[in-house]
Amino acid sequence: KFEHTLAGAAPDINNTPASFSNFGPEVDLAAPGVSIYSTCYVKPAGICSSTYAYLSGTSMATPHVAAVAALLASLPQFDTPERLRVALESTALDLGAPGWDQYYGY
């Protein structure tokens, strides 16, 4: 595990682990990652037929966590990576088994 990093998972619309999601002892948090409306690179080199599309992946979940971390980091009480981590993990909706688990983190 890398110090000062967060590893994410992506549940689906039913809050069950998405088929593509990361899981294991490294997972810290889960964030929405299925059917997220996003900008998309248009064909021929890209994967989309429009500049916007519903996409899925942990790469869709990551911006949710990064945005919340950035908002918290703008407040003086969250002036260290550890304080940010504690705030994110202690306020996350607990999915799956109570407490930390390998599919959702905290």
PDB file of N, CA and C in Angstrom:
ATOM      1  N   LYS A   1       0.847  -1.174   0.000  1.00  0.00           N
ATOM      2  CA  LYS A   1       0.000   0.000   0.000  1.00  0.00           C
ATOM      3  C   LYS A   1       0.891   1.235   0.000  1.00  0.00           C
ATOM      4  N   PHE A   2       0.527   2.208  -0.820  1.00  0.00           N
ATOM      5  CA  PHE A   2       1.288   3.452  -0.887  1.00  0.00           C
ATOM      6  C   PHE A   2       0.760   4.437   0.147  1.00  0.00           C
ATOM      7  N   GLU A   3       1.671   5.033   0.884  1.00  0.00           N
ATOM      8  CA  GLU A   3       1.277   6.018   1.881  1.00  0.00           C
ATOM      9  C   GLU A   3       0.599   7.201   1.195  1.00  0.00           C
ATOM     10  N   HIS A   4      -0.418   7.745   1.806  1.00  0.00           N
ATOM     11  CA  HIS A   4      -1.150   8.922   1.312  1.00  0.00           C
ATOM     12  C   HIS A   4      -1.918   8.671   0.019  1.00  0.00           C
ATOM     13  N   THR A   5      -2.297   7.432  -0.244  1.00  0.00           N
ATOM     14  CA  THR A   5      -3.141   7.137  -1.403  1.00  0.00           C
ATOM     15  C   THR A   5      -4.409   6.439  -0.920  1.00  0.00           C
ATOM     16  N   LEU A   6      -5.432   6.518  -1.739  1.00  0.00           N
ATOM     17  CA  LEU A   6      -6.678   5.815  -1.474  1.00  0.00           C
ATOM     18  C   LEU A   6      -6.965   4.909  -2.660  1.00  0.00           C
ATOM     19  N   ALA A   7      -7.361   3.695  -2.381  1.00  0.00           N
ATOM     20  CA  ALA A   7      -7.748   2.761  -3.445  1.00  0.00           C
ATOM     21  C   ALA A   7      -9.263   2.658  -3.442  1.00  0.00           C
ATOM     22  N   GLY A   8      -9.841   2.674  -4.627  1.00  0.00           N
ATOM     23  CA  GLY A   8     -11.284   2.710  -4.722  1.00  0.00           C
ATOM     24  C   GLY A   8     -11.907   1.495  -5.375  1.00  0.00           C
ATOM     25  N   ALA A   9     -13.176   1.306  -5.054  1.00  0.00           N
ATOM     26  CA  ALA A   9     -14.014   0.279  -5.658  1.00  0.00           C
ATOM     27  C   ALA A   9     -15.232   0.978  -6.248  1.00  0.00           C
ATOM     28  N   ALA A  10     -15.982   0.249  -7.078  1.00  0.00           N
ATOM     29  CA  ALA A  10     -17.151   0.827  -7.726  1.00  0.00           C
ATOM     30  C   ALA A  10     -18.356  -0.091  -7.589  1.00  0.00           C
ATOM     31  N   PRO A  11     -19.325   0.290  -6.759  1.00  0.00           N
ATOM     32  CA  PRO A  11     -20.563  -0.488  -6.708  1.00  0.00           C
ATOM     33  C   PRO A  11     -21.476  -0.110  -7.865  1.00  0.00           C
ATOM     34  N   ASP A  12     -22.427  -0.999  -8.166  1.00  0.00           N
ATOM     35  CA  ASP A  12     -23.395  -0.692  -9.218  1.00  0.00           C
ATOM     36  C   ASP A  12     -24.594   0.048  -8.625  1.00  0.00           C
ATOM     37  N   ILE A  13     -25.626   0.228  -9.413  1.00  0.00           N
ATOM     38  CA  ILE A  13     -26.800   0.989  -8.984  1.00  0.00           C
ATOM     39  C   ILE A  13     -27.505   0.354  -7.784  1.00  0.00           C
ATOM     40  N   ASN A  14     -27.317  -0.941  -7.569  1.00  0.00           N
ATOM     41  CA  ASN A  14     -27.912  -1.640  -6.427  1.00  0.00           C
ATOM     42  C   ASN A  14     -26.963  -1.726  -5.229  1.00  0.00           C
ATOM     43  N   ASN A  15     -25.861  -0.996  -5.291  1.00  0.00           N
ATOM     44  CA  ASN A  15     -24.837  -1.004  -4.239  1.00  0.00           C
ATOM     45  C   ASN A  15     -24.214  -2.377  -4.030  1.00  0.00           C
ATOM     46  N   THR A  16     -24.132  -3.150  -5.093  1.00  0.00           N
ATOM     47  CA  THR A  16     -23.391  -4.403  -5.060  1.00  0.00           C
ATOM     48  C   THR A  16     -22.128  -4.199  -5.882  1.00  0.00           C
ATOM     49  N   PRO A  17     -21.066  -4.929  -5.597  1.00  0.00           N
ATOM     50  CA  PRO A  17     -19.817  -4.709  -6.336  1.00  0.00           C
ATOM     51  C   PRO A  17     -20.018  -4.877  -7.842  1.00  0.00           C
ATOM     52  N   ALA A  18     -19.558  -3.901  -8.603  1.00  0.00           N
ATOM     53  CA  ALA A  18     -19.619  -3.996 -10.062  1.00  0.00           C
ATOM     54  C   ALA A  18     -18.690  -5.116 -10.522  1.00  0.00           C
ATOM     55  N   SER A  19     -19.053  -5.743 -11.626  1.00  0.00           N
ATOM     56  CA  SER A  19     -18.280  -6.889 -12.118  1.00  0.00           C
ATOM     57  C   SER A  19     -16.816  -6.549 -12.396  1.00  0.00           C
ATOM     58  N   PHE A  20     -16.540  -5.314 -12.735  1.00  0.00           N
ATOM     59  CA  PHE A  20     -15.184  -4.886 -13.097  1.00  0.00           C
ATOM     60  C   PHE A  20     -14.425  -4.274 -11.919  1.00  0.00           C
ATOM     61  N   SER A  21     -15.074  -4.123 -10.783  1.00  0.00           N
ATOM     62  CA  SER A  21     -14.512  -3.352  -9.683  1.00  0.00           C
ATOM     63  C   SER A  21     -13.284  -4.007  -9.056  1.00  0.00           C
ATOM     64  N   ASN A  22     -12.420  -3.137  -8.536  1.00  0.00           N
ATOM     65  CA  ASN A  22     -11.299  -3.603  -7.716  1.00  0.00           C
ATOM     66  C   ASN A  22     -11.859  -4.159  -6.418  1.00  0.00           C
ATOM     67  N   PHE A  23     -11.156  -5.061  -5.805  1.00  0.00           N
ATOM     68  CA  PHE A  23     -11.489  -5.517  -4.460  1.00  0.00           C
ATOM     69  C   PHE A  23     -10.248  -6.109  -3.840  1.00  0.00           C
ATOM     70  N   GLY A  24     -10.265  -6.209  -2.528  1.00  0.00           N
ATOM     71  CA  GLY A  24      -9.141  -6.786  -1.808  1.00  0.00           C
ATOM     72  C   GLY A  24      -8.720  -5.914  -0.652  1.00  0.00           C
ATOM     73  N   PRO A  25      -7.609  -6.275  -0.018  1.00  0.00           N
ATOM     74  CA  PRO A  25      -7.182  -5.580   1.198  1.00  0.00           C
ATOM     75  C   PRO A  25      -6.775  -4.118   0.969  1.00  0.00           C
ATOM     76  N   GLU A  26      -6.549  -3.729  -0.266  1.00  0.00           N
ATOM     77  CA  GLU A  26      -6.129  -2.362  -0.552  1.00  0.00           C
ATOM     78  C   GLU A  26      -7.286  -1.373  -0.615  1.00  0.00           C
ATOM     79  N   VAL A  27      -8.518  -1.850  -0.805  1.00  0.00           N
ATOM     80  CA  VAL A  27      -9.660  -0.958  -1.029  1.00  0.00           C
ATOM     81  C   VAL A  27      -9.961  -0.137   0.222  1.00  0.00           C
ATOM     82  N   ASP A  28     -10.050   1.179   0.023  1.00  0.00           N
ATOM     83  CA  ASP A  28     -10.355   2.102   1.116  1.00  0.00           C
ATOM     84  C   ASP A  28     -11.796   2.605   1.055  1.00  0.00           C
ATOM     85  N   LEU A  29     -12.268   2.917  -0.146  1.00  0.00           N
ATOM     86  CA  LEU A  29     -13.578   3.528  -0.319  1.00  0.00           C
ATOM     87  C   LEU A  29     -14.238   3.025  -1.595  1.00  0.00           C
ATOM     88  N   ALA A  30     -15.548   3.173  -1.663  1.00  0.00           N
ATOM     89  CA  ALA A  30     -16.293   2.886  -2.881  1.00  0.00           C
ATOM     90  C   ALA A  30     -17.032   4.153  -3.294  1.00  0.00           C
ATOM     91  N   ALA A  31     -17.175   4.344  -4.588  1.00  0.00           N
ATOM     92  CA  ALA A  31     -17.896   5.505  -5.112  1.00  0.00           C
ATOM     93  C   ALA A  31     -18.612   5.074  -6.388  1.00  0.00           C
ATOM     94  N   PRO A  32     -19.671   5.787  -6.759  1.00  0.00           N
ATOM     95  CA  PRO A  32     -20.418   5.413  -7.964  1.00  0.00           C
ATOM     96  C   PRO A  32     -19.508   5.275  -9.186  1.00  0.00           C
ATOM     97  N   GLY A  33     -19.661   4.155  -9.892  1.00  0.00           N
ATOM     98  CA  GLY A  33     -18.806   3.925 -11.047  1.00  0.00           C
ATOM     99  C   GLY A  33     -19.499   3.235 -12.205  1.00  0.00           C
ATOM    100  N   VAL A  34     -20.830   3.107 -12.155  1.00  0.00           N
ATOM    101  CA  VAL A  34     -21.572   2.428 -13.210  1.00  0.00           C
ATOM    102  C   VAL A  34     -22.548   3.410 -13.853  1.00  0.00           C
ATOM    103  N   SER A  35     -22.508   3.478 -15.172  1.00  0.00           N
ATOM    104  CA  SER A  35     -23.400   4.350 -15.949  1.00  0.00           C
ATOM    105  C   SER A  35     -23.307   5.811 -15.510  1.00  0.00           C
ATOM    106  N   ILE A  36     -22.093   6.321 -15.453  1.00  0.00           N
ATOM    107  CA  ILE A  36     -21.845   7.711 -15.086  1.00  0.00           C
ATOM    108  C   ILE A  36     -21.794   8.545 -16.371  1.00  0.00           C
ATOM    109  N   TYR A  37     -22.617   9.583 -16.456  1.00  0.00           N
ATOM    110  CA  TYR A  37     -22.656  10.444 -17.629  1.00  0.00           C
ATOM    111  C   TYR A  37     -21.380  11.267 -17.662  1.00  0.00           C
ATOM    112  N   SER A  38     -20.636  11.163 -18.732  1.00  0.00           N
ATOM    113  CA  SER A  38     -19.314  11.770 -18.791  1.00  0.00           C
ATOM    114  C   SER A  38     -18.976  12.221 -20.203  1.00  0.00           C
ATOM    115  N   THR A  39     -17.971  13.069 -20.302  1.00  0.00           N
ATOM    116  CA  THR A  39     -17.441  13.391 -21.619  1.00  0.00           C
ATOM    117  C   THR A  39     -16.762  12.155 -22.178  1.00  0.00           C
ATOM    118  N   CYS A  40     -16.695  12.087 -23.494  1.00  0.00           N
ATOM    119  CA  CYS A  40     -16.147  10.886 -24.119  1.00  0.00           C
ATOM    120  C   CYS A  40     -15.442  11.243 -25.411  1.00  0.00           C
ATOM    121  N   TYR A  41     -14.330  10.584 -25.664  1.00  0.00           N
ATOM    122  CA  TYR A  41     -13.555  10.819 -26.879  1.00  0.00           C
ATOM    123  C   TYR A  41     -14.255  10.172 -28.076  1.00  0.00           C
ATOM    124  N   VAL A  42     -14.526  10.984 -29.079  1.00  0.00           N
ATOM    125  CA  VAL A  42     -15.323  10.543 -30.231  1.00  0.00           C
ATOM    126  C   VAL A  42     -14.493   9.723 -31.206  1.00  0.00           C
ATOM    127  N   LYS A  43     -15.154   8.768 -31.882  1.00  0.00           N
ATOM    128  CA  LYS A  43     -14.520   7.942 -32.925  1.00  0.00           C
ATOM    129  C   LYS A  43     -13.911   8.854 -33.979  1.00  0.00           C
ATOM    130  N   PRO A  44     -12.969   8.413 -34.779  1.00  0.00           N
ATOM    131  CA  PRO A  44     -12.533   7.055 -34.984  1.00  0.00           C
ATOM    132  C   PRO A  44     -11.541   6.537 -33.942  1.00  0.00           C
ATOM    133  N   ALA A  45     -10.810   7.417 -33.289  1.00  0.00           N
ATOM    134  CA  ALA A  45      -9.803   6.930 -32.343  1.00  0.00           C
ATOM    135  C   ALA A  45     -10.406   6.595 -30.981  1.00  0.00           C
ATOM    136  N   GLY A  46     -11.558   7.165 -30.670  1.00  0.00           N
ATOM    137  CA  GLY A  46     -12.151   6.970 -29.355  1.00  0.00           C
ATOM    138  C   GLY A  46     -13.156   5.840 -29.319  1.00  0.00           C
ATOM    139  N   ILE A  47     -13.828   5.721 -28.187  1.00  0.00           N
ATOM    140  CA  ILE A  47     -14.774   4.621 -27.991  1.00  0.00           C
ATOM    141  C   ILE A  47     -16.222   5.057 -28.115  1.00  0.00           C
ATOM    142  N   CYS A  48     -16.462   6.347 -28.318  1.00  0.00           N
ATOM    143  CA  CYS A  48     -17.830   6.872 -28.278  1.00  0.00           C
ATOM    144  C   CYS A  48     -18.272   7.430 -29.627  1.00  0.00           C
ATOM    145  N   SER A  49     -19.581   7.457 -29.824  1.00  0.00           N
ATOM    146  CA  SER A  49     -20.146   8.041 -31.031  1.00  0.00           C
ATOM    147  C   SER A  49     -20.629   9.463 -30.780  1.00  0.00           C
ATOM    148  N   SER A  50     -20.530   9.922 -29.525  1.00  0.00           N
ATOM    149  CA  SER A  50     -20.946  11.261 -29.134  1.00  0.00           C
ATOM    150  C   SER A  50     -19.916  11.812 -28.157  1.00  0.00           C
ATOM    151  N   THR A  51     -19.966  13.123 -27.933  1.00  0.00           N
ATOM    152  CA  THR A  51     -19.008  13.710 -26.992  1.00  0.00           C
ATOM    153  C   THR A  51     -19.392  13.458 -25.535  1.00  0.00           C
ATOM    154  N   TYR A  52     -20.587  12.910 -25.313  1.00  0.00           N
ATOM    155  CA  TYR A  52     -21.029  12.518 -23.977  1.00  0.00           C
ATOM    156  C   TYR A  52     -21.569  11.102 -24.036  1.00  0.00           C
ATOM    157  N   ALA A  53     -21.358  10.351 -22.961  1.00  0.00           N
ATOM    158  CA  ALA A  53     -21.839   8.968 -22.939  1.00  0.00           C
ATOM    159  C   ALA A  53     -21.920   8.499 -21.491  1.00  0.00           C
ATOM    160  N   TYR A  54     -22.690   7.440 -21.272  1.00  0.00           N
ATOM    161  CA  TYR A  54     -22.724   6.781 -19.973  1.00  0.00           C
ATOM    162  C   TYR A  54     -21.602   5.756 -19.954  1.00  0.00           C
ATOM    163  N   LEU A  55     -20.658   5.943 -19.034  1.00  0.00           N
ATOM    164  CA  LEU A  55     -19.488   5.077 -18.953  1.00  0.00           C
ATOM    165  C   LEU A  55     -19.427   4.411 -17.581  1.00  0.00           C
ATOM    166  N   SER A  56     -18.723   3.310 -17.514  1.00  0.00           N
ATOM    167  CA  SER A  56     -18.571   2.581 -16.263  1.00  0.00           C
ATOM    168  C   SER A  56     -17.108   2.218 -16.040  1.00  0.00           C
ATOM    169  N   GLY A  57     -16.702   2.194 -14.787  1.00  0.00           N
ATOM    170  CA  GLY A  57     -15.348   1.795 -14.445  1.00  0.00           C
ATOM    171  C   GLY A  57     -14.909   2.455 -13.154  1.00  0.00           C
ATOM    172  N   THR A  58     -13.855   1.935 -12.597  1.00  0.00           N
ATOM    173  CA  THR A  58     -13.321   2.590 -11.407  1.00  0.00           C
ATOM    174  C   THR A  58     -12.791   3.975 -11.772  1.00  0.00           C
ATOM    175  N   SER A  59     -12.471   4.180 -13.046  1.00  0.00           N
ATOM    176  CA  SER A  59     -12.049   5.509 -13.496  1.00  0.00           C
ATOM    177  C   SER A  59     -13.206   6.500 -13.457  1.00  0.00           C
ATOM    178  N   MET A  60     -14.423   6.023 -13.402  1.00  0.00           N
ATOM    179  CA  MET A  60     -15.590   6.891 -13.230  1.00  0.00           C
ATOM    180  C   MET A  60     -15.841   7.151 -11.749  1.00  0.00           C
ATOM    181  N   ALA A  61     -15.425   6.239 -10.881  1.00  0.00           N
ATOM    182  CA  ALA A  61     -15.608   6.401  -9.438  1.00  0.00           C
ATOM    183  C   ALA A  61     -14.557   7.338  -8.840  1.00  0.00           C
ATOM    184  N   THR A  62     -13.366   7.298  -9.357  1.00  0.00           N
ATOM    185  CA  THR A  62     -12.251   8.074  -8.802  1.00  0.00           C
ATOM    186  C   THR A  62     -12.534   9.570  -8.684  1.00  0.00           C
ATOM    187  N   PRO A  63     -13.121  10.228  -9.699  1.00  0.00           N
ATOM    188  CA  PRO A  63     -13.365  11.669  -9.556  1.00  0.00           C
ATOM    189  C   PRO A  63     -14.304  12.034  -8.403  1.00  0.00           C
ATOM    190  N   HIS A  64     -15.224  11.138  -8.045  1.00  0.00           N
ATOM    191  CA  HIS A  64     -16.104  11.415  -6.909  1.00  0.00           C
ATOM    192  C   HIS A  64     -15.278  11.563  -5.630  1.00  0.00           C
ATOM    193  N   VAL A  65     -14.379  10.630  -5.404  1.00  0.00           N
ATOM    194  CA  VAL A  65     -13.549  10.657  -4.200  1.00  0.00           C
ATOM    195  C   VAL A  65     -12.577  11.835  -4.255  1.00  0.00           C
ATOM    196  N   ALA A  66     -11.975  12.073  -5.400  1.00  0.00           N
ATOM    197  CA  ALA A  66     -11.020  13.175  -5.540  1.00  0.00           C
ATOM    198  C   ALA A  66     -11.691  14.526  -5.294  1.00  0.00           C
ATOM    199  N   ALA A  67     -12.916  14.680  -5.770  1.00  0.00           N
ATOM    200  CA  ALA A  67     -13.634  15.943  -5.574  1.00  0.00           C
ATOM    201  C   ALA A  67     -13.941  16.194  -4.105  1.00  0.00           C
ATOM    202  N   VAL A  68     -14.401  15.176  -3.405  1.00  0.00           N
ATOM    203  CA  VAL A  68     -14.690  15.337  -1.972  1.00  0.00           C
ATOM    204  C   VAL A  68     -13.393  15.628  -1.214  1.00  0.00           C
ATOM    205  N   ALA A  69     -12.330  14.925  -1.553  1.00  0.00           N
ATOM    206  CA  ALA A  69     -11.037  15.171  -0.900  1.00  0.00           C
ATOM    207  C   ALA A  69     -10.565  16.602  -1.150  1.00  0.00           C
ATOM    208  N   ALA A  70     -10.750  17.106  -2.362  1.00  0.00           N
ATOM    209  CA  ALA A  70     -10.331  18.476  -2.675  1.00  0.00           C
ATOM    210  C   ALA A  70     -11.147  19.499  -1.886  1.00  0.00           C
ATOM    211  N   LEU A  71     -12.448  19.258  -1.774  1.00  0.00           N
ATOM    212  CA  LEU A  71     -13.280  20.173  -0.986  1.00  0.00           C
ATOM    213  C   LEU A  71     -12.852  20.169   0.477  1.00  0.00           C
ATOM    214  N   LEU A  72     -12.614  18.984   1.036  1.00  0.00           N
ATOM    215  CA  LEU A  72     -12.160  18.908   2.422  1.00  0.00           C
ATOM    216  C   LEU A  72     -10.799  19.588   2.594  1.00  0.00           C
ATOM    217  N   ALA A  73      -9.907  19.387   1.635  1.00  0.00           N
ATOM    218  CA  ALA A  73      -8.554  19.959   1.720  1.00  0.00           C
ATOM    219  C   ALA A  73      -8.583  21.491   1.722  1.00  0.00           C
ATOM    220  N   SER A  74      -9.677  22.065   1.268  1.00  0.00           N
ATOM    221  CA  SER A  74      -9.785  23.526   1.272  1.00  0.00           C
ATOM    222  C   SER A  74     -10.118  24.078   2.661  1.00  0.00           C
ATOM    223  N   LEU A  75     -10.446  23.188   3.582  1.00  0.00           N
ATOM    224  CA  LEU A  75     -10.773  23.601   4.950  1.00  0.00           C
ATOM    225  C   LEU A  75      -9.562  23.431   5.860  1.00  0.00           C
ATOM    226  N   PRO A  76      -9.343  24.372   6.768  1.00  0.00           N
ATOM    227  CA  PRO A  76      -8.120  24.337   7.582  1.00  0.00           C
ATOM    228  C   PRO A  76      -7.959  23.102   8.466  1.00  0.00           C
ATOM    229  N   GLN A  77      -9.052  22.490   8.904  1.00  0.00           N
ATOM    230  CA  GLN A  77      -8.924  21.333   9.795  1.00  0.00           C
ATOM    231  C   GLN A  77      -8.465  20.067   9.076  1.00  0.00           C
ATOM    232  N   PHE A  78      -8.460  20.080   7.757  1.00  0.00           N
ATOM    233  CA  PHE A  78      -8.010  18.919   6.978  1.00  0.00           C
ATOM    234  C   PHE A  78      -6.685  19.254   6.301  1.00  0.00           C
ATOM    235  N   ASP A  79      -5.693  19.543   7.121  1.00  0.00           N
ATOM    236  CA  ASP A  79      -4.414  20.031   6.609  1.00  0.00           C
ATOM    237  C   ASP A  79      -3.347  18.958   6.438  1.00  0.00           C
ATOM    238  N   THR A  80      -3.715  17.684   6.643  1.00  0.00           N
ATOM    239  CA  THR A  80      -2.760  16.596   6.419  1.00  0.00           C
ATOM    240  C   THR A  80      -3.468  15.470   5.665  1.00  0.00           C
ATOM    241  N   PRO A  81      -2.708  14.664   4.936  1.00  0.00           N
ATOM    242  CA  PRO A  81      -3.320  13.511   4.256  1.00  0.00           C
ATOM    243  C   PRO A  81      -4.045  12.578   5.223  1.00  0.00           C
ATOM    244  N   GLU A  82      -3.508  12.386   6.419  1.00  0.00           N
ATOM    245  CA  GLU A  82      -4.138  11.487   7.391  1.00  0.00           C
ATOM    246  C   GLU A  82      -5.489  12.027   7.850  1.00  0.00           C
ATOM    247  N   ARG A  83      -5.591  13.328   8.056  1.00  0.00           N
ATOM    248  CA  ARG A  83      -6.882  13.905   8.454  1.00  0.00           C
ATOM    249  C   ARG A  83      -7.913  13.765   7.335  1.00  0.00           C
ATOM    250  N   LEU A  84      -7.467  13.927   6.105  1.00  0.00           N
ATOM    251  CA  LEU A  84      -8.369  13.722   4.958  1.00  0.00           C
ATOM    252  C   LEU A  84      -8.850  12.273   4.911  1.00  0.00           C
ATOM    253  N   ARG A  85      -7.928  11.355   5.057  1.00  0.00           N
ATOM    254  CA  ARG A  85      -8.270   9.929   5.016  1.00  0.00           C
ATOM    255  C   ARG A  85      -9.289   9.573   6.100  1.00  0.00           C
ATOM    256  N   VAL A  86      -9.038  10.016   7.319  1.00  0.00           N
ATOM    257  CA  VAL A  86      -9.948   9.714   8.424  1.00  0.00           C
ATOM    258  C   VAL A  86     -11.334  10.294   8.148  1.00  0.00           C
ATOM    259  N   ALA A  87     -11.386  11.510   7.649  1.00  0.00           N
ATOM    260  CA  ALA A  87     -12.681  12.132   7.347  1.00  0.00           C
ATOM    261  C   ALA A  87     -13.433  11.355   6.275  1.00  0.00           C
ATOM    262  N   LEU A  88     -12.758  10.968   5.213  1.00  0.00           N
ATOM    263  CA  LEU A  88     -13.405  10.225   4.131  1.00  0.00           C
ATOM    264  C   LEU A  88     -13.871   8.853   4.605  1.00  0.00           C
ATOM    265  N   GLU A  89     -13.013   8.146   5.293  1.00  0.00           N
ATOM    266  CA  GLU A  89     -13.355   6.785   5.720  1.00  0.00           C
ATOM    267  C   GLU A  89     -14.421   6.763   6.811  1.00  0.00           C
ATOM    268  N   SER A  90     -14.397   7.732   7.713  1.00  0.00           N
ATOM    269  CA  SER A  90     -15.346   7.715   8.835  1.00  0.00           C
ATOM    270  C   SER A  90     -16.725   8.238   8.463  1.00  0.00           C
ATOM    271  N   THR A  91     -16.852   8.911   7.327  1.00  0.00           N
ATOM    272  CA  THR A  91     -18.153   9.445   6.928  1.00  0.00           C
ATOM    273  C   THR A  91     -18.753   8.722   5.724  1.00  0.00           C
ATOM    274  N   ALA A  92     -18.068   7.723   5.208  1.00  0.00           N
ATOM    275  CA  ALA A  92     -18.579   6.981   4.053  1.00  0.00           C
ATOM    276  C   ALA A  92     -19.783   6.134   4.460  1.00  0.00           C
ATOM    277  N   LEU A  93     -20.730   5.982   3.544  1.00  0.00           N
ATOM    278  CA  LEU A  93     -21.855   5.084   3.759  1.00  0.00           C
ATOM    279  C   LEU A  93     -21.307   3.669   3.827  1.00  0.00           C
ATOM    280  N   ASP A  94     -21.609   2.962   4.884  1.00  0.00           N
ATOM    281  CA  ASP A  94     -21.068   1.616   5.097  1.00  0.00           C
ATOM    282  C   ASP A  94     -21.886   0.595   4.305  1.00  0.00           C
ATOM    283  N   LEU A  95     -21.354   0.147   3.193  1.00  0.00           N
ATOM    284  CA  LEU A  95     -21.987  -0.889   2.379  1.00  0.00           C
ATOM    285  C   LEU A  95     -21.353  -2.232   2.720  1.00  0.00           C
ATOM    286  N   GLY A  96     -22.048  -3.308   2.467  1.00  0.00           N
ATOM    287  CA  GLY A  96     -21.493  -4.633   2.727  1.00  0.00           C
ATOM    288  C   GLY A  96     -21.436  -4.953   4.206  1.00  0.00           C
ATOM    289  N   ALA A  97     -20.453  -5.757   4.586  1.00  0.00           N
ATOM    290  CA  ALA A  97     -20.281  -6.138   5.995  1.00  0.00           C
ATOM    291  C   ALA A  97     -19.996  -4.890   6.830  1.00  0.00           C
ATOM    292  N   PRO A  98     -20.478  -4.846   8.074  1.00  0.00           N
ATOM    293  CA  PRO A  98     -20.218  -3.681   8.920  1.00  0.00           C
ATOM    294  C   PRO A  98     -18.722  -3.418   9.077  1.00  0.00           C
ATOM    295  N   GLY A  99     -18.349  -2.137   9.019  1.00  0.00           N
ATOM    296  CA  GLY A  99     -16.941  -1.762   9.093  1.00  0.00           C
ATOM    297  C   GLY A  99     -16.263  -1.960   7.753  1.00  0.00           C
ATOM    298  N   TRP A 100     -14.961  -2.062   7.779  1.00  0.00           N
ATOM    299  CA  TRP A 100     -14.203  -2.249   6.538  1.00  0.00           C
ATOM    300  C   TRP A 100     -14.461  -3.634   5.963  1.00  0.00           C
ATOM    301  N   ASP A 101     -14.564  -3.698   4.626  1.00  0.00           N
ATOM    302  CA  ASP A 101     -14.575  -5.002   3.942  1.00  0.00           C
ATOM    303  C   ASP A 101     -13.883  -4.855   2.596  1.00  0.00           C
ATOM    304  N   GLN A 102     -13.500  -5.974   2.014  1.00  0.00           N
ATOM    305  CA  GLN A 102     -12.666  -5.984   0.797  1.00  0.00           C
ATOM    306  C   GLN A 102     -13.390  -5.505  -0.466  1.00  0.00           C
ATOM    307  N   TYR A 103     -14.709  -5.406  -0.447  1.00  0.00           N
ATOM    308  CA  TYR A 103     -15.459  -4.999  -1.643  1.00  0.00           C
ATOM    309  C   TYR A 103     -15.819  -3.530  -1.650  1.00  0.00           C
ATOM    310  N   TYR A 104     -15.908  -2.903  -0.492  1.00  0.00           N
ATOM    311  CA  TYR A 104     -16.328  -1.497  -0.420  1.00  0.00           C
ATOM    312  C   TYR A 104     -15.368  -0.618   0.374  1.00  0.00           C
ATOM    313  N   GLY A 105     -14.446  -1.202   1.101  1.00  0.00           N
ATOM    314  CA  GLY A 105     -13.617  -0.412   2.004  1.00  0.00           C
ATOM    315  C   GLY A 105     -14.439  -0.005   3.202  1.00  0.00           C
ATOM    316  N   TYR A 106     -14.381   1.284   3.548  1.00  0.00           N
ATOM    317  CA  TYR A 106     -15.090   1.766   4.746  1.00  0.00           C
ATOM    318  C   TYR A 106     -16.459   2.228   4.412  1.00  0.00           C
TER     319      TYR A 106
END
